[in-house]
Amino acid sequence: MLDDEAPDDGQHKRLLMTRYKVSKGGAIELEDSIKFEAQINPADFKHSYSIGYDTTKDMGASKTEAKFSATDPEEVSFSIVLDDTGVVESVPDQPGSVKGQLGLLSKVVYDYVNATGEPPYVRLLWGALIFFGRLKSMSTQYSLFKPNGDPLRAKVDLSFVGATSRAERKLENNRAATGRMTRTVTAEEGDTVASLCAEVYQDDSYETQARVAQANGLKDLRQLAPGQTLTFPAIPPRSSTSSTSSSSSSNATATPSAAAALAAPAVSAIGT
């Protein structure tokens, strides 16, 4: 966020966009050779936060309660002007033409990264603002042209959505979530049911893994495909002492095989 009271020392005077990579451990590595510096800083800058709610209505119901779903990633949006009329000084070591500037800007924020097949991560740096994210949208409007049709001026509207590392998401989710909330998690390379149960529930016992496997129709606890979305059901609250006693009494005559089935639900449905 911008800080009008912050000193100018060490702050970037022009809006700078730099590509970066994220290691599996969450470390950020800036690609300083792939960057774009704005000729003219944005006239305004929008920084948005939002919260998602589930408003699905029951059949026949006229109203429904908005139930918390998730905290959406923060977003920033702004516009920059590219100019080749000679009125505005060009940025050193960057193309002077509007076409060239757009090409460089696209390389920094839009062009897919070959190693991942995904859009790049981009750090925005301007004054006291530091924002890490990915491009959500980019649109260009041209306003002046040379006799041959080449553009002399363009306005580019940019919108970015915030990006966080796996480690940051884990810390945030663990702080916000409880075992009594149903959650969904997208598996990444190397994830297993056990590791995700430890992350979500802080419990990777076989019984907990079996519960998750049953909820998702899994037959293998050890192999998950990257990008696979798993549902982690809410864990019911522990029974009170009285209800436990009653339950123990009513199940006193249960066979050993039935007791084993209660202790490890859906284990028979999981491949060894």
Foldseek 3Di string as FASTA:
>chain_A
DADPPDDQPPADAWKKKWFWDADLVGDIGTPVVQMATALDHFPDKDKAWDWQWDFDDDPPDPGDDTHGDGTFFIKMKTKGKQAQPPPTDDDPPFDNFPVRNVVSVCRRAPDADPVPRHTTWMWIGGGPDTAIFHWDDKDKDADAADPVGGGGMIMMITMTTGDGHPVVVLVVQVVPDALQDKDKDFDAPQDFLQVVCCSNHVDSDQQQSQVQCVQAVEQERGDDDGRDMGIRHRDDDDDDPVVVVVVCVVCVPPDPVVVVCVSRPNPVSHHD
